[in-house]
């Protein structure tokens, strides 16, 4: 999986739009998240501050985690405006790379945070839950994502779609 990720996304940018190798990000961190989100998405804008708080908490405790924003925005200006509110990295060349990563990780809806281990294995497709609610267990060494079981793949995809709808309505009501 790591080779596929690095082939599709060799470089990322920081908040100053300075480029760096994604392979270096994997070498320096235990967990790497790919945050699929967009400025126009109301549930995304509600989730992002919660992720930032959890991310900042882990980083302040010297935990080796990095997140990469994968934009689904419609314009470069929207991407920049939204990305400036985030403390992590981003995929610089959307929509091309964003589309490739969405296909690779089978992203059906946003917001979605996919967490990978440093060796490229997928830790979770529901990374927001781990990051927000179980960050005290970082780096989640014994966690097994129920959605990654081949026997549960279809039911997992259905549950992901259902979770996306539920999250949307819960965040809209908030």
N, C-alpha and C. Protein backbone atom coordinates (compact mmCIF):
# COMPACT_ATOMS: atom_id res chain seq x y z
N UNK A 1 0.82 -1.20 0.00
CA UNK A 1 0.00 0.00 0.00
C UNK A 1 0.87 1.26 0.00
N UNK A 2 1.98 1.24 0.76
CA UNK A 2 2.82 2.42 0.84
C UNK A 2 3.36 2.82 -0.52
N UNK A 3 3.81 1.86 -1.31
CA UNK A 3 4.31 2.18 -2.65
C UNK A 3 3.22 2.82 -3.51
N UNK A 4 1.99 2.33 -3.40
CA UNK A 4 0.88 2.90 -4.17
C UNK A 4 0.62 4.34 -3.75
N UNK A 5 0.67 4.59 -2.44
CA UNK A 5 0.44 5.95 -1.94
C UNK A 5 1.53 6.88 -2.44
N UNK A 6 2.78 6.46 -2.29
CA UNK A 6 3.91 7.32 -2.69
C UNK A 6 3.95 7.54 -4.20
N UNK A 7 3.50 6.57 -4.96
CA UNK A 7 3.45 6.73 -6.42
C UNK A 7 2.40 7.76 -6.81
N UNK A 8 1.26 7.72 -6.14
CA UNK A 8 0.17 8.64 -6.46
C UNK A 8 0.38 10.03 -5.87
N UNK A 9 1.14 10.09 -4.78
CA UNK A 9 1.33 11.37 -4.06
C UNK A 9 2.76 11.46 -3.54
N UNK A 10 3.73 11.76 -4.40
CA UNK A 10 5.12 11.79 -3.94
C UNK A 10 5.46 12.99 -3.06
N UNK A 11 4.70 14.08 -3.18
CA UNK A 11 5.03 15.30 -2.45
C UNK A 11 3.80 15.87 -1.77
N UNK A 12 4.04 16.55 -0.65
CA UNK A 12 3.00 17.28 0.08
C UNK A 12 3.54 18.67 0.38
N UNK A 13 2.66 19.56 0.84
CA UNK A 13 3.09 20.91 1.20
C UNK A 13 2.67 21.21 2.63
N UNK A 14 3.45 22.10 3.26
CA UNK A 14 3.10 22.56 4.60
C UNK A 14 2.28 23.84 4.49
N UNK A 15 1.98 24.47 5.62
CA UNK A 15 1.16 25.67 5.63
C UNK A 15 1.75 26.84 4.87
N UNK A 16 3.08 26.87 4.71
CA UNK A 16 3.74 27.92 3.93
C UNK A 16 3.87 27.52 2.47
N UNK A 17 3.23 26.40 2.11
CA UNK A 17 3.24 25.83 0.76
C UNK A 17 4.64 25.39 0.31
N UNK A 18 5.48 25.06 1.29
CA UNK A 18 6.80 24.51 1.01
C UNK A 18 6.66 23.00 0.80
N UNK A 19 7.24 22.52 -0.27
CA UNK A 19 7.10 21.12 -0.66
C UNK A 19 8.04 20.22 0.13
N UNK A 20 7.57 18.99 0.39
CA UNK A 20 8.43 17.98 1.02
C UNK A 20 8.02 16.60 0.52
N UNK A 21 8.93 15.66 0.64
CA UNK A 21 8.69 14.30 0.19
C UNK A 21 7.74 13.60 1.16
N UNK A 22 6.71 12.96 0.64
CA UNK A 22 5.80 12.21 1.50
C UNK A 22 6.50 11.01 2.13
N UNK A 23 7.48 10.44 1.44
CA UNK A 23 8.21 9.30 2.02
C UNK A 23 8.90 9.69 3.33
N UNK A 24 9.38 10.93 3.43
CA UNK A 24 10.00 11.42 4.66
C UNK A 24 8.97 11.51 5.78
N UNK A 25 7.76 11.93 5.44
CA UNK A 25 6.68 12.01 6.42
C UNK A 25 6.41 10.62 6.99
N UNK A 26 6.40 9.60 6.14
CA UNK A 26 6.17 8.23 6.61
C UNK A 26 7.34 7.75 7.48
N UNK A 27 8.55 8.15 7.15
CA UNK A 27 9.71 7.73 7.94
C UNK A 27 9.72 8.33 9.34
N UNK A 28 9.20 9.54 9.48
CA UNK A 28 9.28 10.27 10.75
C UNK A 28 8.09 10.07 11.68
N UNK A 29 7.04 9.37 11.22
CA UNK A 29 5.82 9.27 12.00
C UNK A 29 5.34 7.83 12.13
N UNK A 30 4.71 7.53 13.27
CA UNK A 30 4.13 6.21 13.48
C UNK A 30 2.80 6.05 12.76
N UNK A 31 2.03 7.13 12.71
CA UNK A 31 0.72 7.12 12.09
C UNK A 31 0.60 8.33 11.18
N UNK A 32 0.07 8.08 9.97
CA UNK A 32 -0.15 9.14 9.00
C UNK A 32 -1.61 9.08 8.59
N UNK A 33 -2.28 10.22 8.70
CA UNK A 33 -3.69 10.28 8.32
C UNK A 33 -3.87 11.02 7.01
N UNK A 34 -4.81 10.56 6.22
CA UNK A 34 -5.21 11.26 5.00
C UNK A 34 -6.64 11.74 5.24
N UNK A 35 -6.77 13.07 5.34
CA UNK A 35 -8.05 13.69 5.68
C UNK A 35 -8.72 14.21 4.42
N UNK A 36 -9.76 13.50 3.99
CA UNK A 36 -10.53 13.85 2.80
C UNK A 36 -11.65 14.78 3.22
N UNK A 37 -11.59 16.02 2.72
CA UNK A 37 -12.47 17.06 3.22
C UNK A 37 -12.58 18.16 2.17
N UNK A 38 -13.47 19.13 2.42
CA UNK A 38 -13.62 20.26 1.51
C UNK A 38 -14.23 21.45 2.24
N UNK A 39 -13.89 22.62 1.76
CA UNK A 39 -14.37 23.87 2.32
C UNK A 39 -15.88 23.98 2.23
N UNK A 40 -16.47 23.50 1.13
CA UNK A 40 -17.90 23.63 0.90
C UNK A 40 -18.74 22.65 1.72
N UNK A 41 -18.09 21.69 2.35
CA UNK A 41 -18.78 20.60 3.07
C UNK A 41 -19.01 21.00 4.52
N UNK A 42 -20.27 21.23 4.88
CA UNK A 42 -20.59 21.66 6.25
C UNK A 42 -20.14 20.65 7.31
N UNK A 43 -20.40 19.35 7.16
CA UNK A 43 -19.91 18.39 8.16
C UNK A 43 -18.38 18.40 8.28
N UNK A 44 -17.70 18.66 7.17
CA UNK A 44 -16.23 18.74 7.21
C UNK A 44 -15.80 19.93 8.07
N UNK A 45 -16.44 21.07 7.87
CA UNK A 45 -16.07 22.27 8.64
C UNK A 45 -16.40 22.11 10.12
N UNK A 46 -17.36 21.25 10.45
CA UNK A 46 -17.66 20.96 11.86
C UNK A 46 -16.64 19.98 12.45
N UNK A 47 -16.19 19.02 11.64
CA UNK A 47 -15.25 18.01 12.12
C UNK A 47 -13.82 18.54 12.23
N UNK A 48 -13.42 19.39 11.31
CA UNK A 48 -12.03 19.86 11.26
C UNK A 48 -11.53 20.43 12.59
N UNK A 49 -12.27 21.30 13.27
CA UNK A 49 -11.76 21.82 14.56
C UNK A 49 -11.57 20.72 15.61
N UNK A 50 -12.41 19.71 15.59
CA UNK A 50 -12.25 18.60 16.53
C UNK A 50 -10.98 17.81 16.23
N UNK A 51 -10.71 17.60 14.95
CA UNK A 51 -9.47 16.91 14.57
C UNK A 51 -8.25 17.74 14.91
N UNK A 52 -8.34 19.04 14.70
CA UNK A 52 -7.21 19.93 15.03
C UNK A 52 -6.90 19.86 16.52
N UNK A 53 -7.92 19.88 17.34
CA UNK A 53 -7.71 19.81 18.80
C UNK A 53 -7.03 18.50 19.18
N UNK A 54 -7.50 17.39 18.65
CA UNK A 54 -6.90 16.08 18.96
C UNK A 54 -5.48 15.99 18.43
N UNK A 55 -5.26 16.47 17.21
CA UNK A 55 -3.93 16.47 16.59
C UNK A 55 -2.95 17.30 17.42
N UNK A 56 -3.37 18.52 17.77
CA UNK A 56 -2.50 19.40 18.57
C UNK A 56 -2.17 18.77 19.92
N UNK A 57 -3.16 18.09 20.52
CA UNK A 57 -2.93 17.43 21.80
C UNK A 57 -1.87 16.34 21.65
N UNK A 58 -2.00 15.51 20.65
CA UNK A 58 -1.00 14.44 20.44
C UNK A 58 0.37 15.02 20.13
N UNK A 59 0.43 16.01 19.27
CA UNK A 59 1.72 16.62 18.91
C UNK A 59 2.37 17.31 20.11
N UNK A 60 1.56 17.91 21.00
CA UNK A 60 2.12 18.57 22.17
C UNK A 60 2.73 17.55 23.13
N UNK A 61 2.31 16.30 23.02
CA UNK A 61 2.86 15.22 23.84
C UNK A 61 3.93 14.43 23.07
N UNK A 62 4.48 15.04 22.02
CA UNK A 62 5.55 14.47 21.20
C UNK A 62 5.17 13.12 20.58
N UNK A 63 3.90 12.96 20.24
CA UNK A 63 3.47 11.75 19.54
C UNK A 63 3.73 11.93 18.05
N UNK A 64 4.20 10.88 17.43
CA UNK A 64 4.58 10.94 16.02
C UNK A 64 3.40 10.63 15.11
N UNK A 65 2.62 11.67 14.86
CA UNK A 65 1.46 11.57 13.97
C UNK A 65 1.50 12.75 13.01
N UNK A 66 1.10 12.49 11.77
CA UNK A 66 0.96 13.57 10.80
C UNK A 66 -0.31 13.33 10.02
N UNK A 67 -0.93 14.41 9.60
CA UNK A 67 -2.15 14.34 8.78
C UNK A 67 -1.88 15.09 7.48
N UNK A 68 -2.44 14.55 6.40
CA UNK A 68 -2.34 15.16 5.08
C UNK A 68 -3.76 15.45 4.59
N UNK A 69 -4.03 16.72 4.35
CA UNK A 69 -5.33 17.16 3.83
C UNK A 69 -5.42 16.82 2.35
N UNK A 70 -6.49 16.12 1.99
CA UNK A 70 -6.77 15.78 0.59
C UNK A 70 -8.05 16.51 0.22
N UNK A 71 -7.91 17.57 -0.56
CA UNK A 71 -9.02 18.48 -0.83
C UNK A 71 -9.97 17.96 -1.91
N UNK A 72 -11.25 18.22 -1.66
CA UNK A 72 -12.28 18.01 -2.67
C UNK A 72 -12.91 19.35 -3.04
N UNK A 73 -12.17 20.43 -2.81
CA UNK A 73 -12.68 21.75 -3.12
C UNK A 73 -12.79 21.97 -4.62
N UNK A 74 -13.59 22.96 -4.98
CA UNK A 74 -13.85 23.25 -6.38
C UNK A 74 -12.86 24.24 -6.98
N UNK A 75 -12.16 24.98 -6.14
CA UNK A 75 -11.21 25.96 -6.65
C UNK A 75 -9.96 25.98 -5.78
N UNK A 76 -8.89 26.48 -6.37
CA UNK A 76 -7.64 26.59 -5.63
C UNK A 76 -7.78 27.59 -4.48
N UNK A 77 -8.53 28.66 -4.68
CA UNK A 77 -8.75 29.64 -3.62
C UNK A 77 -9.48 29.03 -2.43
N UNK A 78 -10.51 28.22 -2.69
CA UNK A 78 -11.22 27.55 -1.60
C UNK A 78 -10.29 26.59 -0.86
N UNK A 79 -9.48 25.87 -1.63
CA UNK A 79 -8.50 24.96 -1.02
C UNK A 79 -7.57 25.74 -0.08
N UNK A 80 -7.00 26.84 -0.57
CA UNK A 80 -6.05 27.63 0.23
C UNK A 80 -6.71 28.21 1.48
N UNK A 81 -7.92 28.73 1.32
CA UNK A 81 -8.61 29.32 2.46
C UNK A 81 -8.85 28.27 3.54
N UNK A 82 -9.30 27.09 3.14
CA UNK A 82 -9.60 26.03 4.11
C UNK A 82 -8.31 25.47 4.71
N UNK A 83 -7.32 25.25 3.87
CA UNK A 83 -6.05 24.68 4.33
C UNK A 83 -5.34 25.59 5.33
N UNK A 84 -5.48 26.89 5.19
CA UNK A 84 -4.83 27.83 6.12
C UNK A 84 -5.33 27.68 7.56
N UNK A 85 -6.49 27.04 7.73
CA UNK A 85 -7.01 26.83 9.08
C UNK A 85 -6.46 25.55 9.72
N UNK A 86 -5.65 24.79 8.98
CA UNK A 86 -5.19 23.48 9.43
C UNK A 86 -3.70 23.51 9.79
N UNK A 87 -3.31 22.76 10.83
CA UNK A 87 -1.90 22.75 11.25
C UNK A 87 -1.06 21.66 10.57
N UNK A 88 -1.63 20.93 9.65
CA UNK A 88 -0.93 19.79 9.05
C UNK A 88 -0.57 20.04 7.60
N UNK A 89 -0.26 18.99 6.89
CA UNK A 89 0.20 19.05 5.50
C UNK A 89 -0.98 18.91 4.54
N UNK A 90 -0.70 19.08 3.24
CA UNK A 90 -1.76 18.93 2.23
C UNK A 90 -1.18 18.38 0.94
N UNK A 91 -2.06 17.75 0.17
CA UNK A 91 -1.74 17.34 -1.19
C UNK A 91 -1.84 18.60 -2.05
N UNK A 92 -0.77 18.99 -2.74
CA UNK A 92 -0.76 20.28 -3.42
C UNK A 92 -1.49 20.31 -4.76
N UNK A 93 -1.53 19.22 -5.47
CA UNK A 93 -2.05 19.26 -6.84
C UNK A 93 -3.38 18.54 -6.97
N UNK A 94 -4.41 19.21 -6.47
CA UNK A 94 -5.74 18.65 -6.63
C UNK A 94 -6.33 19.27 -7.90
N UNK A 95 -7.27 18.67 -8.56
CA UNK A 95 -7.98 17.46 -8.17
C UNK A 95 -7.31 16.16 -8.64
N UNK A 96 -6.23 16.26 -9.39
CA UNK A 96 -5.62 15.05 -9.95
C UNK A 96 -5.21 14.05 -8.87
N UNK A 97 -4.36 14.48 -7.95
CA UNK A 97 -3.88 13.57 -6.90
C UNK A 97 -5.00 13.21 -5.94
N UNK A 98 -5.88 14.14 -5.65
CA UNK A 98 -7.01 13.85 -4.76
C UNK A 98 -7.85 12.71 -5.31
N UNK A 99 -8.12 12.76 -6.60
CA UNK A 99 -8.91 11.71 -7.23
C UNK A 99 -8.22 10.36 -7.17
N UNK A 100 -6.91 10.36 -7.39
CA UNK A 100 -6.16 9.10 -7.31
C UNK A 100 -6.19 8.52 -5.91
N UNK A 101 -6.04 9.37 -4.89
CA UNK A 101 -6.07 8.90 -3.51
C UNK A 101 -7.47 8.45 -3.11
N UNK A 102 -8.49 9.14 -3.57
CA UNK A 102 -9.87 8.71 -3.29
C UNK A 102 -10.11 7.31 -3.86
N UNK A 103 -9.61 7.06 -5.05
CA UNK A 103 -9.76 5.73 -5.65
C UNK A 103 -8.98 4.69 -4.88
N UNK A 104 -7.76 5.01 -4.52
CA UNK A 104 -6.90 4.06 -3.80
C UNK A 104 -7.51 3.66 -2.47
N UNK A 105 -8.03 4.62 -1.71
CA UNK A 105 -8.59 4.34 -0.40
C UNK A 105 -10.09 4.07 -0.42
N UNK A 106 -10.67 4.09 -1.62
CA UNK A 106 -12.11 3.83 -1.79
C UNK A 106 -12.95 4.78 -0.93
N UNK A 107 -12.71 6.05 -1.12
CA UNK A 107 -13.44 7.08 -0.38
C UNK A 107 -14.80 7.30 -1.05
N UNK A 108 -15.86 7.13 -0.26
CA UNK A 108 -17.22 7.25 -0.79
C UNK A 108 -17.87 8.56 -0.37
N UNK A 109 -17.40 9.14 0.72
CA UNK A 109 -18.00 10.37 1.20
C UNK A 109 -16.98 11.13 2.02
N UNK A 110 -17.26 12.41 2.21
CA UNK A 110 -16.42 13.23 3.07
C UNK A 110 -17.30 13.79 4.17
N UNK A 111 -16.72 14.05 5.32
CA UNK A 111 -15.32 13.93 5.68
C UNK A 111 -14.93 12.48 5.99
N UNK A 112 -13.72 12.12 5.63
CA UNK A 112 -13.16 10.80 5.96
C UNK A 112 -11.70 10.98 6.32
N UNK A 113 -11.29 10.35 7.42
CA UNK A 113 -9.89 10.34 7.83
C UNK A 113 -9.42 8.89 7.81
N UNK A 114 -8.52 8.58 6.87
CA UNK A 114 -7.92 7.25 6.78
C UNK A 114 -6.58 7.31 7.50
N UNK A 115 -6.38 6.40 8.46
CA UNK A 115 -5.12 6.34 9.20
C UNK A 115 -4.29 5.17 8.71
N UNK A 116 -3.01 5.43 8.45
CA UNK A 116 -2.06 4.40 8.04
C UNK A 116 -0.94 4.31 9.06
N UNK A 117 -0.39 3.13 9.19
CA UNK A 117 0.83 2.96 9.98
C UNK A 117 2.01 3.38 9.10
N UNK A 118 3.17 3.55 9.69
CA UNK A 118 4.33 4.03 8.94
C UNK A 118 4.77 3.07 7.84
N UNK A 119 4.38 1.79 7.95
CA UNK A 119 4.73 0.84 6.90
C UNK A 119 3.71 0.84 5.76
N UNK A 120 2.69 1.69 5.88
CA UNK A 120 1.70 1.83 4.82
C UNK A 120 0.46 0.98 5.00
N UNK A 121 0.41 0.13 6.01
CA UNK A 121 -0.81 -0.65 6.23
C UNK A 121 -1.90 0.25 6.79
N UNK A 122 -3.11 -0.03 6.37
CA UNK A 122 -4.24 0.78 6.82
C UNK A 122 -4.59 0.40 8.25
N UNK A 123 -4.61 1.39 9.10
CA UNK A 123 -5.00 1.22 10.50
C UNK A 123 -6.51 1.33 10.63
N UNK A 124 -7.09 2.36 9.97
CA UNK A 124 -8.53 2.58 10.07
C UNK A 124 -9.04 3.48 8.96
N UNK A 125 -10.23 3.14 8.47
CA UNK A 125 -10.95 4.04 7.56
C UNK A 125 -11.84 5.01 8.34
N UNK A 126 -11.97 4.77 9.62
CA UNK A 126 -12.76 5.66 10.47
C UNK A 126 -11.84 6.32 11.50
N UNK A 127 -10.80 6.93 10.99
CA UNK A 127 -9.75 7.49 11.83
C UNK A 127 -10.19 8.64 12.71
N UNK A 128 -11.22 9.36 12.31
CA UNK A 128 -11.68 10.49 13.13
C UNK A 128 -12.11 9.99 14.51
N UNK A 129 -12.77 8.86 14.54
CA UNK A 129 -13.20 8.29 15.83
C UNK A 129 -12.00 7.99 16.72
N UNK A 130 -10.99 7.34 16.15
CA UNK A 130 -9.79 7.03 16.95
C UNK A 130 -9.10 8.29 17.42
N UNK A 131 -8.91 9.22 16.52
CA UNK A 131 -8.17 10.43 16.85
C UNK A 131 -8.89 11.27 17.91
N UNK A 132 -10.19 11.39 17.79
CA UNK A 132 -10.95 12.23 18.72
C UNK A 132 -11.25 11.51 20.03
N UNK A 133 -11.70 10.27 19.96
CA UNK A 133 -12.21 9.57 21.14
C UNK A 133 -11.24 8.61 21.81
N UNK A 134 -10.17 8.22 21.09
CA UNK A 134 -9.27 7.22 21.68
C UNK A 134 -7.81 7.64 21.55
N UNK A 135 -7.56 8.94 21.55
CA UNK A 135 -6.18 9.39 21.38
C UNK A 135 -5.28 9.01 22.55
N UNK A 136 -5.87 8.71 23.70
CA UNK A 136 -5.09 8.26 24.85
C UNK A 136 -4.44 6.90 24.61
N UNK A 137 -4.91 6.17 23.61
CA UNK A 137 -4.35 4.85 23.28
C UNK A 137 -3.36 4.91 22.11
N UNK A 138 -3.04 6.12 21.62
CA UNK A 138 -2.13 6.28 20.48
C UNK A 138 -0.83 5.52 20.73
N UNK A 139 -0.30 4.81 19.76
CA UNK A 139 -0.66 4.68 18.34
C UNK A 139 -1.59 3.50 18.02
N UNK A 140 -2.41 3.12 18.96
CA UNK A 140 -3.41 2.09 18.76
C UNK A 140 -2.82 0.76 18.28
N UNK A 141 -1.88 0.20 19.03
CA UNK A 141 -1.17 -1.00 18.57
C UNK A 141 -2.05 -2.23 18.41
N UNK A 142 -3.11 -2.34 19.19
CA UNK A 142 -3.96 -3.53 19.13
C UNK A 142 -5.27 -3.30 18.39
N UNK A 143 -5.43 -2.12 17.81
CA UNK A 143 -6.70 -1.80 17.15
C UNK A 143 -6.85 -2.58 15.84
N UNK A 144 -8.02 -3.17 15.67
CA UNK A 144 -8.38 -3.88 14.44
C UNK A 144 -9.63 -3.23 13.89
N UNK A 145 -9.53 -2.62 12.74
CA UNK A 145 -10.67 -1.95 12.13
C UNK A 145 -11.63 -3.00 11.58
N UNK A 146 -12.87 -3.03 12.09
CA UNK A 146 -13.82 -4.03 11.61
C UNK A 146 -14.16 -3.89 10.13
N UNK A 147 -13.97 -2.71 9.57
CA UNK A 147 -14.30 -2.49 8.17
C UNK A 147 -13.25 -3.06 7.22
N UNK A 148 -12.10 -3.47 7.76
CA UNK A 148 -11.04 -3.97 6.89
C UNK A 148 -11.10 -5.48 6.69
N UNK A 149 -11.96 -6.15 7.41
CA UNK A 149 -12.13 -7.59 7.24
C UNK A 149 -12.76 -7.87 5.89
N UNK A 150 -12.15 -8.76 5.10
CA UNK A 150 -12.69 -9.08 3.77
C UNK A 150 -14.10 -9.63 3.85
N UNK A 151 -14.39 -10.40 4.88
CA UNK A 151 -15.72 -10.97 5.01
C UNK A 151 -16.77 -9.91 5.33
N UNK A 152 -16.31 -8.76 5.83
CA UNK A 152 -17.24 -7.70 6.21
C UNK A 152 -17.14 -6.49 5.28
N UNK A 153 -16.46 -6.64 4.15
CA UNK A 153 -16.21 -5.49 3.29
C UNK A 153 -17.49 -4.80 2.84
N UNK A 154 -18.44 -5.55 2.30
CA UNK A 154 -19.66 -4.93 1.80
C UNK A 154 -20.47 -4.31 2.92
N UNK A 155 -20.61 -5.02 4.04
CA UNK A 155 -21.36 -4.44 5.15
C UNK A 155 -20.62 -3.24 5.70
N UNK A 156 -19.29 -3.28 5.68
CA UNK A 156 -18.51 -2.15 6.14
C UNK A 156 -18.70 -0.92 5.27
N UNK A 157 -18.73 -1.13 3.96
CA UNK A 157 -18.96 -0.01 3.05
C UNK A 157 -20.34 0.58 3.26
N UNK A 158 -21.33 -0.28 3.46
CA UNK A 158 -22.68 0.20 3.72
C UNK A 158 -22.72 0.99 5.03
N UNK A 159 -22.04 0.49 6.06
CA UNK A 159 -22.01 1.20 7.33
C UNK A 159 -21.29 2.53 7.21
N UNK A 160 -20.23 2.57 6.39
CA UNK A 160 -19.52 3.85 6.18
C UNK A 160 -20.44 4.88 5.55
N UNK A 161 -21.19 4.45 4.55
CA UNK A 161 -22.12 5.37 3.91
C UNK A 161 -23.19 5.83 4.89
N UNK A 162 -23.71 4.89 5.67
CA UNK A 162 -24.71 5.23 6.68
C UNK A 162 -24.12 6.19 7.71
N UNK A 163 -22.89 5.91 8.17
CA UNK A 163 -22.23 6.79 9.14
C UNK A 163 -22.07 8.20 8.56
N UNK A 164 -21.73 8.29 7.29
CA UNK A 164 -21.58 9.60 6.65
C UNK A 164 -22.87 10.39 6.69
N UNK A 165 -23.98 9.71 6.38
CA UNK A 165 -25.27 10.39 6.43
C UNK A 165 -25.63 10.80 7.85
N UNK A 166 -25.42 9.90 8.81
CA UNK A 166 -25.74 10.22 10.20
C UNK A 166 -24.89 11.38 10.69
N UNK A 167 -23.58 11.33 10.39
CA UNK A 167 -22.69 12.41 10.80
C UNK A 167 -23.14 13.74 10.21
N UNK A 168 -23.55 13.71 8.95
CA UNK A 168 -24.01 14.92 8.28
C UNK A 168 -25.19 15.53 9.05
N UNK A 169 -26.18 14.69 9.35
CA UNK A 169 -27.38 15.21 10.01
C UNK A 169 -27.11 15.62 11.46
N UNK A 170 -26.25 14.91 12.16
CA UNK A 170 -25.89 15.28 13.53
C UNK A 170 -25.17 16.62 13.54
N UNK A 171 -24.22 16.78 12.64
CA UNK A 171 -23.45 18.03 12.61
C UNK A 171 -24.31 19.19 12.11
N UNK A 172 -25.26 18.91 11.25
CA UNK A 172 -26.15 19.98 10.77
C UNK A 172 -27.05 20.49 11.90
N UNK A 173 -27.40 19.56 12.80
CA UNK A 173 -28.27 19.94 13.91
C UNK A 173 -27.52 20.67 15.01
N UNK A 174 -26.20 20.50 15.04
CA UNK A 174 -25.38 21.10 16.10
C UNK A 174 -25.24 22.60 15.94
